[in-house]
Structure formats: structure tokens, C-alpha cells
Amino acid sequence: MDAVVLLGLNVRKFRKLRGMTQEQLGLETEMERSYVSDLERGTRNPSVRAVERLAKALDVELHQLLMPVEG
């Protein structure tokens, strides 16, 4: 699976597990809601710094955002 698509699926999974909206995640990471949406759909290539901010906001280790999605 493409790494960008995998990242997006994991961002969505962890965001929903934490009961966050895209807007809330955007505020936490200082990203626009539309950018978060694009990331989740795999249509954006985020910088490493953006991925670090996402991991911090979602309270996960960086590598968890690139691990294969379970069920």
C-alpha cells in the first residue's frame, strides 16, 4: 500500500479512536481542516514535521502512523 494512503488511514483511525473531529485535530496541529481531510484521503504528501505534529496530537508514536491498518 502507498505510504501516503496508509498514513491517511491511520490518522483517521487514531483521530476517531480519540473522538476528535478533523477540525479539532487541525487546531491541535495548526493545520487547516481541509488539509487534515486531504491527508486522511491520501491526496497530500505531508512533511516529516507535519507527521510529527500529527503523532503528538494523536498521542501515538511516529511509527504507528505508518503501520499496516488492522481491521
Protein backbone atom coordinates (compact mmCIF):
# COMPACT_ATOMS: atom_id res chain seq x y z
CA MET A 1 0.00 0.00 0.00
CA ASP A 2 1.18 3.53 -0.76
CA ALA A 3 2.73 5.17 2.33
CA VAL A 4 0.68 8.36 1.94
CA VAL A 5 -2.58 6.39 1.78
CA LEU A 6 -1.52 4.28 4.76
CA LEU A 7 -0.67 7.40 6.75
CA GLY A 8 -4.08 8.87 5.98
CA LEU A 9 -5.92 5.73 7.05
CA ASN A 10 -4.01 5.66 10.32
CA VAL A 11 -4.54 9.35 11.02
CA ARG A 12 -8.30 8.82 10.56
CA LYS A 13 -8.26 5.68 12.73
CA PHE A 14 -6.42 7.31 15.65
CA ARG A 15 -8.41 10.54 15.34
CA LYS A 16 -11.69 8.65 15.59
CA LEU A 17 -10.39 6.48 18.46
CA ARG A 18 -9.76 9.70 20.37
CA GLY A 19 -13.17 11.10 19.50
CA MET A 20 -11.68 14.06 17.65
CA THR A 21 -13.10 15.86 14.65
CA GLN A 22 -10.92 16.93 11.75
CA GLU A 23 -11.39 20.49 12.98
CA GLN A 24 -10.10 19.58 16.46
CA LEU A 25 -7.10 17.77 15.01
CA GLY A 26 -6.41 20.73 12.77
CA LEU A 27 -6.43 23.09 15.76
CA GLU A 28 -4.08 20.79 17.71
CA THR A 29 -1.63 20.57 14.83
CA GLU A 30 -2.06 24.12 13.48
CA MET A 31 -3.30 22.70 10.18
CA GLU A 32 -6.41 23.63 8.23
CA ARG A 33 -9.32 21.19 8.50
CA SER A 34 -9.23 20.79 4.72
CA TYR A 35 -5.55 19.80 4.92
CA VAL A 36 -6.37 17.15 7.54
CA SER A 37 -9.14 15.89 5.25
CA ASP A 38 -6.73 15.71 2.30
CA LEU A 39 -4.20 13.82 4.45
CA GLU A 40 -6.82 11.29 5.50
CA ARG A 41 -7.79 10.72 1.88
CA GLY A 42 -4.16 10.26 0.88
CA THR A 43 -4.12 13.20 -1.52
CA ARG A 44 -1.42 15.22 0.29
CA ASN A 45 2.26 14.48 0.82
CA PRO A 46 2.93 15.82 4.32
CA SER A 47 6.31 16.91 5.56
CA VAL A 48 8.07 14.95 8.27
CA ARG A 49 7.37 17.83 10.65
CA ALA A 50 3.65 17.62 9.86
CA VAL A 51 3.67 13.88 10.59
CA GLU A 52 5.47 14.56 13.88
CA ARG A 53 2.78 17.11 14.86
CA LEU A 54 0.04 14.62 13.97
CA ALA A 55 1.63 11.88 16.07
CA LYS A 56 1.95 14.23 19.04
CA ALA A 57 -1.65 15.47 18.75
CA LEU A 58 -2.94 11.90 18.41
CA ASP A 59 -0.73 10.71 21.29
CA VAL A 60 0.88 7.92 19.25
CA GLU A 61 4.43 7.01 18.33
CA LEU A 62 5.52 8.27 14.92
CA HIS A 63 5.94 4.75 13.53
CA GLN A 64 2.33 3.88 14.40
CA LEU A 65 1.15 6.23 11.67
CA LEU A 66 2.89 4.09 9.05
CA MET A 67 1.99 0.63 10.34
CA PRO A 68 -0.46 -1.53 8.38
CA VAL A 69 -4.07 -0.84 9.35
CA GLU A 70 -5.80 -3.56 11.32
CA GLY A 71 -9.41 -4.44 10.62
